PDB file of all heavy atoms in Angstrom:
ATOM      1  N   SER A   1       9.525 -14.986   2.452  1.00  0.00           N
ATOM      2  CA  SER A   1       8.264 -14.424   1.999  1.00  0.00           C
ATOM      3  C   SER A   1       7.138 -15.445   2.113  1.00  0.00           C
ATOM      4  O   SER A   1       6.017 -15.105   2.516  1.00  0.00           O
ATOM      5  CB  SER A   1       8.399 -13.923   0.556  1.00  0.00           C
ATOM      6  OG  SER A   1       9.379 -12.927   0.440  1.00  0.00           O
ATOM      7  N   ASN A   2       7.440 -16.691   1.767  1.00  0.00           N
ATOM      8  CA  ASN A   2       6.430 -17.746   1.902  1.00  0.00           C
ATOM      9  C   ASN A   2       5.984 -17.886   3.338  1.00  0.00           C
ATOM     10  O   ASN A   2       4.793 -18.071   3.609  1.00  0.00           O
ATOM     11  CB  ASN A   2       7.020 -19.095   1.423  1.00  0.00           C
ATOM     12  CG  ASN A   2       7.198 -19.155  -0.106  1.00  0.00           C
ATOM     13  OD1 ASN A   2       6.625 -18.352  -0.843  1.00  0.00           O
ATOM     14  ND2 ASN A   2       7.957 -20.112  -0.550  1.00  0.00           N
ATOM     15  N   LYS A   3       6.951 -17.799   4.273  1.00  0.00           N
ATOM     16  CA  LYS A   3       6.620 -17.911   5.699  1.00  0.00           C
ATOM     17  C   LYS A   3       5.701 -16.759   6.142  1.00  0.00           C
ATOM     18  O   LYS A   3       4.718 -16.975   6.830  1.00  0.00           O
ATOM     19  CB  LYS A   3       7.897 -17.937   6.517  1.00  0.00           C
ATOM     20  CG  LYS A   3       7.678 -18.071   8.011  1.00  0.00           C
ATOM     21  CD  LYS A   3       7.113 -19.428   8.400  1.00  0.00           C
ATOM     22  CE  LYS A   3       7.002 -19.580   9.896  1.00  0.00           C
ATOM     23  NZ  LYS A   3       6.413 -20.886  10.278  1.00  0.00           N
ATOM     24  N   ALA A   4       6.054 -15.551   5.691  1.00  0.00           N
ATOM     25  CA  ALA A   4       5.240 -14.374   6.061  1.00  0.00           C
ATOM     26  C   ALA A   4       3.822 -14.526   5.502  1.00  0.00           C
ATOM     27  O   ALA A   4       2.854 -14.191   6.182  1.00  0.00           O
ATOM     28  CB  ALA A   4       5.889 -13.117   5.525  1.00  0.00           C
ATOM     29  N   ILE A   5       3.702 -15.046   4.281  1.00  0.00           N
ATOM     30  CA  ILE A   5       2.392 -15.203   3.658  1.00  0.00           C
ATOM     31  C   ILE A   5       1.586 -16.295   4.372  1.00  0.00           C
ATOM     32  O   ILE A   5       0.372 -16.187   4.531  1.00  0.00           O
ATOM     33  CB  ILE A   5       2.556 -15.503   2.154  1.00  0.00           C
ATOM     34  CG1 ILE A   5       3.074 -14.262   1.419  1.00  0.00           C
ATOM     35  CG2 ILE A   5       1.240 -15.988   1.541  1.00  0.00           C
ATOM     36  CD1 ILE A   5       3.594 -14.531   0.035  1.00  0.00           C
ATOM     37  N   THR A   6       2.276 -17.349   4.810  1.00  0.00           N
ATOM     38  CA  THR A   6       1.609 -18.405   5.568  1.00  0.00           C
ATOM     39  C   THR A   6       1.006 -17.840   6.870  1.00  0.00           C
ATOM     40  O   THR A   6      -0.122 -18.168   7.243  1.00  0.00           O
ATOM     41  CB  THR A   6       2.582 -19.543   5.901  1.00  0.00           C
ATOM     42  OG1 THR A   6       3.058 -20.098   4.671  1.00  0.00           O
ATOM     43  CG2 THR A   6       1.910 -20.647   6.692  1.00  0.00           C
ATOM     44  N   ILE A   7       1.768 -16.996   7.539  1.00  0.00           N
ATOM     45  CA  ILE A   7       1.306 -16.378   8.784  1.00  0.00           C
ATOM     46  C   ILE A   7       0.188 -15.392   8.491  1.00  0.00           C
ATOM     47  O   ILE A   7      -0.815 -15.353   9.209  1.00  0.00           O
ATOM     48  CB  ILE A   7       2.459 -15.687   9.531  1.00  0.00           C
ATOM     49  CG1 ILE A   7       3.522 -16.719   9.927  1.00  0.00           C
ATOM     50  CG2 ILE A   7       1.948 -14.917  10.753  1.00  0.00           C
ATOM     51  CD1 ILE A   7       4.826 -16.092  10.411  1.00  0.00           C
ATOM     52  N   ASP A   8       0.359 -14.582   7.437  1.00  0.00           N
ATOM     53  CA  ASP A   8      -0.630 -13.539   7.116  1.00  0.00           C
ATOM     54  C   ASP A   8      -0.827 -13.496   5.607  1.00  0.00           C
ATOM     55  O   ASP A   8      -0.067 -12.845   4.878  1.00  0.00           O
ATOM     56  CB  ASP A   8      -0.137 -12.163   7.612  1.00  0.00           C
ATOM     57  CG  ASP A   8      -1.077 -11.032   7.204  1.00  0.00           C
ATOM     58  OD1 ASP A   8      -2.227 -11.330   6.779  1.00  0.00           O
ATOM     59  OD2 ASP A   8      -0.672  -9.866   7.331  1.00  0.00           O
ATOM     60  N   PRO A   9      -1.863 -14.167   5.096  1.00  0.00           N
ATOM     61  CA  PRO A   9      -2.107 -14.208   3.645  1.00  0.00           C
ATOM     62  C   PRO A   9      -2.430 -12.845   3.031  1.00  0.00           C
ATOM     63  O   PRO A   9      -2.447 -12.736   1.797  1.00  0.00           O
ATOM     64  CB  PRO A   9      -3.304 -15.146   3.499  1.00  0.00           C
ATOM     65  CG  PRO A   9      -3.310 -15.959   4.752  1.00  0.00           C
ATOM     66  CD  PRO A   9      -2.792 -15.044   5.828  1.00  0.00           C
ATOM     67  N   GLN A  10      -2.658 -11.822   3.846  1.00  0.00           N
ATOM     68  CA  GLN A  10      -2.924 -10.485   3.347  1.00  0.00           C
ATOM     69  C   GLN A  10      -1.692  -9.586   3.422  1.00  0.00           C
ATOM     70  O   GLN A  10      -1.827  -8.338   3.364  1.00  0.00           O
ATOM     71  CB  GLN A  10      -4.064  -9.864   4.135  1.00  0.00           C
ATOM     72  CG  GLN A  10      -5.397 -10.577   3.974  1.00  0.00           C
ATOM     73  CD  GLN A  10      -5.861 -10.621   2.515  1.00  0.00           C
ATOM     74  OE1 GLN A  10      -6.041  -9.573   1.890  1.00  0.00           O
ATOM     75  NE2 GLN A  10      -6.017 -11.821   1.981  1.00  0.00           N
ATOM     76  N   ASN A  11      -0.537 -10.179   3.496  1.00  0.00           N
ATOM     77  CA  ASN A  11       0.715  -9.426   3.659  1.00  0.00           C
ATOM     78  C   ASN A  11       1.196  -8.967   2.271  1.00  0.00           C
ATOM     79  O   ASN A  11       1.898  -9.697   1.570  1.00  0.00           O
ATOM     80  CB  ASN A  11       1.750 -10.315   4.326  1.00  0.00           C
ATOM     81  CG  ASN A  11       2.996  -9.551   4.747  1.00  0.00           C
ATOM     82  OD1 ASN A  11       3.447  -8.654   4.061  1.00  0.00           O
ATOM     83  ND2 ASN A  11       3.549  -9.953   5.884  1.00  0.00           N
ATOM     84  N   ASP A  12       0.831  -7.751   1.900  1.00  0.00           N
ATOM     85  CA  ASP A  12       1.156  -7.233   0.573  1.00  0.00           C
ATOM     86  C   ASP A  12       2.661  -7.112   0.344  1.00  0.00           C
ATOM     87  O   ASP A  12       3.156  -7.396  -0.750  1.00  0.00           O
ATOM     88  CB  ASP A  12       0.463  -5.890   0.311  1.00  0.00           C
ATOM     89  CG  ASP A  12       0.687  -4.867   1.402  1.00  0.00           C
ATOM     90  OD1 ASP A  12       1.104  -5.249   2.515  1.00  0.00           O
ATOM     91  OD2 ASP A  12       0.426  -3.671   1.168  1.00  0.00           O
ATOM     92  N   PHE A  13       3.411  -6.718   1.385  1.00  0.00           N
ATOM     93  CA  PHE A  13       4.846  -6.574   1.213  1.00  0.00           C
ATOM     94  C   PHE A  13       5.542  -7.917   0.978  1.00  0.00           C
ATOM     95  O   PHE A  13       6.550  -7.995   0.272  1.00  0.00           O
ATOM     96  CB  PHE A  13       5.450  -5.871   2.443  1.00  0.00           C
ATOM     97  CG  PHE A  13       5.105  -4.408   2.508  1.00  0.00           C
ATOM     98  CD1 PHE A  13       4.243  -3.944   3.463  1.00  0.00           C
ATOM     99  CD2 PHE A  13       5.643  -3.505   1.612  1.00  0.00           C
ATOM    100  CE1 PHE A  13       3.900  -2.597   3.537  1.00  0.00           C
ATOM    101  CE2 PHE A  13       5.328  -2.159   1.663  1.00  0.00           C
ATOM    102  CZ  PHE A  13       4.453  -1.710   2.635  1.00  0.00           C
ATOM    103  N   ALA A  14       5.000  -8.974   1.574  1.00  0.00           N
ATOM    104  CA  ALA A  14       5.593 -10.296   1.366  1.00  0.00           C
ATOM    105  C   ALA A  14       5.460 -10.734  -0.092  1.00  0.00           C
ATOM    106  O   ALA A  14       6.391 -11.294  -0.684  1.00  0.00           O
ATOM    107  CB  ALA A  14       4.946 -11.324   2.296  1.00  0.00           C
ATOM    108  N   TYR A  15       4.310 -10.473  -0.688  1.00  0.00           N
ATOM    109  CA  TYR A  15       4.127 -10.783  -2.108  1.00  0.00           C
ATOM    110  C   TYR A  15       5.074  -9.920  -2.965  1.00  0.00           C
ATOM    111  O   TYR A  15       5.673 -10.426  -3.942  1.00  0.00           O
ATOM    112  CB  TYR A  15       2.691 -10.532  -2.551  1.00  0.00           C
ATOM    113  CG  TYR A  15       1.730 -11.580  -2.067  1.00  0.00           C
ATOM    114  CD1 TYR A  15       0.789 -11.309  -1.078  1.00  0.00           C
ATOM    115  CD2 TYR A  15       1.730 -12.879  -2.606  1.00  0.00           C
ATOM    116  CE1 TYR A  15      -0.124 -12.270  -0.633  1.00  0.00           C
ATOM    117  CE2 TYR A  15       0.857 -13.847  -2.159  1.00  0.00           C
ATOM    118  CZ  TYR A  15      -0.075 -13.535  -1.182  1.00  0.00           C
ATOM    119  OH  TYR A  15      -0.948 -14.507  -0.731  1.00  0.00           O
ATOM    120  N   THR A  16       5.248  -8.664  -2.585  1.00  0.00           N
ATOM    121  CA  THR A  16       6.140  -7.767  -3.338  1.00  0.00           C
ATOM    122  C   THR A  16       7.592  -8.274  -3.242  1.00  0.00           C
ATOM    123  O   THR A  16       8.314  -8.348  -4.259  1.00  0.00           O
ATOM    124  CB  THR A  16       6.039  -6.329  -2.817  1.00  0.00           C
ATOM    125  OG1 THR A  16       4.686  -5.911  -2.901  1.00  0.00           O
ATOM    126  CG2 THR A  16       6.924  -5.393  -3.631  1.00  0.00           C
ATOM    127  N   ASN A  17       8.031  -8.625  -2.023  1.00  0.00           N
ATOM    128  CA  ASN A  17       9.399  -9.138  -1.852  1.00  0.00           C
ATOM    129  C   ASN A  17       9.592 -10.439  -2.617  1.00  0.00           C
ATOM    130  O   ASN A  17      10.643 -10.659  -3.232  1.00  0.00           O
ATOM    131  CB  ASN A  17       9.659  -9.390  -0.368  1.00  0.00           C
ATOM    132  CG  ASN A  17      10.088  -8.158   0.374  1.00  0.00           C
ATOM    133  OD1 ASN A  17      10.593  -7.199  -0.217  1.00  0.00           O
ATOM    134  ND2 ASN A  17       9.896  -8.153   1.672  1.00  0.00           N
ATOM    135  N   ARG A  18       8.586 -11.300  -2.589  1.00  0.00           N
ATOM    136  CA  ARG A  18       8.733 -12.583  -3.320  1.00  0.00           C
ATOM    137  C   ARG A  18       8.769 -12.319  -4.818  1.00  0.00           C
ATOM    138  O   ARG A  18       9.532 -12.972  -5.549  1.00  0.00           O
ATOM    139  CB  ARG A  18       7.557 -13.522  -2.956  1.00  0.00           C
ATOM    140  CG  ARG A  18       7.789 -14.948  -3.452  1.00  0.00           C
ATOM    141  CD  ARG A  18       6.770 -15.921  -2.903  1.00  0.00           C
ATOM    142  NE  ARG A  18       5.445 -15.707  -3.513  1.00  0.00           N
ATOM    143  CZ  ARG A  18       4.355 -16.434  -3.220  1.00  0.00           C
ATOM    144  NH1 ARG A  18       4.427 -17.400  -2.322  1.00  0.00           N
ATOM    145  NH2 ARG A  18       3.200 -16.191  -3.799  1.00  0.00           N
ATOM    146  N   GLY A  19       7.986 -11.357  -5.281  1.00  0.00           N
ATOM    147  CA  GLY A  19       8.024 -11.008  -6.700  1.00  0.00           C
ATOM    148  C   GLY A  19       9.391 -10.509  -7.115  1.00  0.00           C
ATOM    149  O   GLY A  19       9.889 -10.870  -8.176  1.00  0.00           O
ATOM    150  N   LEU A  20       9.995  -9.694  -6.266  1.00  0.00           N
ATOM    151  CA  LEU A  20      11.330  -9.150  -6.565  1.00  0.00           C
ATOM    152  C   LEU A  20      12.345 -10.307  -6.676  1.00  0.00           C
ATOM    153  O   LEU A  20      13.177 -10.329  -7.581  1.00  0.00           O
ATOM    154  CB  LEU A  20      11.748  -8.172  -5.468  1.00  0.00           C
ATOM    155  CG  LEU A  20      13.164  -7.601  -5.579  1.00  0.00           C
ATOM    156  CD1 LEU A  20      13.362  -6.881  -6.898  1.00  0.00           C
ATOM    157  CD2 LEU A  20      13.437  -6.674  -4.381  1.00  0.00           C
ATOM    158  N   ALA A  21      12.249 -11.255  -5.736  1.00  0.00           N
ATOM    159  CA  ALA A  21      13.175 -12.391  -5.769  1.00  0.00           C
ATOM    160  C   ALA A  21      12.982 -13.233  -7.046  1.00  0.00           C
ATOM    161  O   ALA A  21      13.942 -13.661  -7.687  1.00  0.00           O
ATOM    162  CB  ALA A  21      13.013 -13.251  -4.519  1.00  0.00           C
ATOM    163  N   LYS A  22      11.711 -13.464  -7.380  1.00  0.00           N
ATOM    164  CA  LYS A  22      11.422 -14.238  -8.600  1.00  0.00           C
ATOM    165  C   LYS A  22      11.945 -13.504  -9.842  1.00  0.00           C
ATOM    166  O   LYS A  22      12.506 -14.137 -10.737  1.00  0.00           O
ATOM    167  CB  LYS A  22       9.919 -14.474  -8.722  1.00  0.00           C
ATOM    168  CG  LYS A  22       9.376 -15.512  -7.732  1.00  0.00           C
ATOM    169  CD  LYS A  22       7.865 -15.690  -7.915  1.00  0.00           C
ATOM    170  CE  LYS A  22       7.303 -16.729  -6.962  1.00  0.00           C
ATOM    171  NZ  LYS A  22       5.829 -16.897  -7.101  1.00  0.00           N
ATOM    172  N   SER A  23      11.766 -12.190  -9.860  1.00  0.00           N
ATOM    173  CA  SER A  23      12.257 -11.417 -10.989  1.00  0.00           C
ATOM    174  C   SER A  23      13.765 -11.545 -11.132  1.00  0.00           C
ATOM    175  O   SER A  23      14.303 -11.751 -12.247  1.00  0.00           O
ATOM    176  CB  SER A  23      11.868  -9.943 -10.845  1.00  0.00           C
ATOM    177  OG  SER A  23      12.352  -9.170 -11.907  1.00  0.00           O
ATOM    178  N   ASP A  24      14.479 -11.450 -10.007  1.00  0.00           N
ATOM    179  CA  ASP A  24      15.941 -11.561 -10.041  1.00  0.00           C
ATOM    180  C   ASP A  24      16.403 -12.953 -10.473  1.00  0.00           C
ATOM    181  O   ASP A  24      17.510 -13.114 -10.980  1.00  0.00           O
ATOM    182  CB  ASP A  24      16.515 -11.226  -8.657  1.00  0.00           C
ATOM    183  CG  ASP A  24      16.463  -9.742  -8.362  1.00  0.00           C
ATOM    184  OD1 ASP A  24      16.354  -8.949  -9.332  1.00  0.00           O
ATOM    185  OD2 ASP A  24      16.552  -9.368  -7.189  1.00  0.00           O
ATOM    186  N   LEU A  25      15.516 -13.952 -10.282  1.00  0.00           N
ATOM    187  CA  LEU A  25      15.842 -15.317 -10.747  1.00  0.00           C
ATOM    188  C   LEU A  25      15.387 -15.542 -12.191  1.00  0.00           C
ATOM    189  O   LEU A  25      15.529 -16.638 -12.710  1.00  0.00           O
ATOM    190  CB  LEU A  25      15.144 -16.332  -9.819  1.00  0.00           C
ATOM    191  CG  LEU A  25      15.766 -16.455  -8.403  1.00  0.00           C
ATOM    192  CD1 LEU A  25      14.852 -17.299  -7.520  1.00  0.00           C
ATOM    193  CD2 LEU A  25      17.160 -17.063  -8.471  1.00  0.00           C
ATOM    194  N   GLY A  26      14.810 -14.514 -12.818  1.00  0.00           N
ATOM    195  CA  GLY A  26      14.399 -14.633 -14.226  1.00  0.00           C
ATOM    196  C   GLY A  26      12.979 -15.098 -14.419  1.00  0.00           C
ATOM    197  O   GLY A  26      12.515 -15.234 -15.568  1.00  0.00           O
ATOM    198  N   ASP A  27      12.219 -15.290 -13.329  1.00  0.00           N
ATOM    199  CA  ASP A  27      10.828 -15.727 -13.423  1.00  0.00           C
ATOM    200  C   ASP A  27       9.930 -14.476 -13.437  1.00  0.00           C
ATOM    201  O   ASP A  27       9.263 -14.161 -12.449  1.00  0.00           O
ATOM    202  CB  ASP A  27      10.480 -16.636 -12.259  1.00  0.00           C
ATOM    203  CG  ASP A  27       9.020 -17.126 -12.289  1.00  0.00           C
ATOM    204  OD1 ASP A  27       8.350 -16.939 -13.330  1.00  0.00           O
ATOM    205  OD2 ASP A  27       8.573 -17.693 -11.290  1.00  0.00           O
ATOM    206  N   HIS A  28       9.909 -13.793 -14.572  1.00  0.00           N
ATOM    207  CA  HIS A  28       9.196 -12.511 -14.650  1.00  0.00           C
ATOM    208  C   HIS A  28       7.678 -12.683 -14.588  1.00  0.00           C
ATOM    209  O   HIS A  28       6.995 -11.862 -13.968  1.00  0.00           O
ATOM    210  CB  HIS A  28       9.611 -11.758 -15.927  1.00  0.00           C
ATOM    211  CG  HIS A  28      11.085 -11.530 -16.001  1.00  0.00           C
ATOM    212  ND1 HIS A  28      11.761 -10.782 -15.032  1.00  0.00           N
ATOM    213  CD2 HIS A  28      12.026 -11.943 -16.895  1.00  0.00           C
ATOM    214  CE1 HIS A  28      13.038 -10.754 -15.335  1.00  0.00           C
ATOM    215  NE2 HIS A  28      13.235 -11.457 -16.460  1.00  0.00           N
ATOM    216  N   GLN A  29       7.153 -13.732 -15.171  1.00  0.00           N
ATOM    217  CA  GLN A  29       5.714 -13.960 -15.092  1.00  0.00           C
ATOM    218  C   GLN A  29       5.309 -14.312 -13.659  1.00  0.00           C
ATOM    219  O   GLN A  29       4.285 -13.831 -13.162  1.00  0.00           O
ATOM    220  CB  GLN A  29       5.268 -15.074 -16.050  1.00  0.00           C
ATOM    221  CG  GLN A  29       3.737 -15.212 -16.145  1.00  0.00           C
ATOM    222  CD  GLN A  29       3.058 -13.902 -16.530  1.00  0.00           C
ATOM    223  OE1 GLN A  29       3.348 -13.299 -17.560  1.00  0.00           O
ATOM    224  NE2 GLN A  29       2.141 -13.439 -15.705  1.00  0.00           N
ATOM    225  N   GLY A  30       6.125 -15.125 -13.000  1.00  0.00           N
ATOM    226  CA  GLY A  30       5.841 -15.431 -11.587  1.00  0.00           C
ATOM    227  C   GLY A  30       5.892 -14.200 -10.721  1.00  0.00           C
ATOM    228  O   GLY A  30       5.082 -14.038  -9.801  1.00  0.00           O
ATOM    229  N   ALA A  31       6.842 -13.286 -11.032  1.00  0.00           N
ATOM    230  CA  ALA A  31       6.927 -12.026 -10.313  1.00  0.00           C
ATOM    231  C   ALA A  31       5.669 -11.187 -10.513  1.00  0.00           C
ATOM    232  O   ALA A  31       5.119 -10.644  -9.561  1.00  0.00           O
ATOM    233  CB  ALA A  31       8.158 -11.259 -10.767  1.00  0.00           C
TER     234      ALA A  31
END
């Protein structure tokens, strides 16, 4: 997700995917 965001900072799905991963790791505020 970080790579996708680096290539395209307007990539809404990349932020969503990264949020899901953070949530699964217990970082709910980061998500």
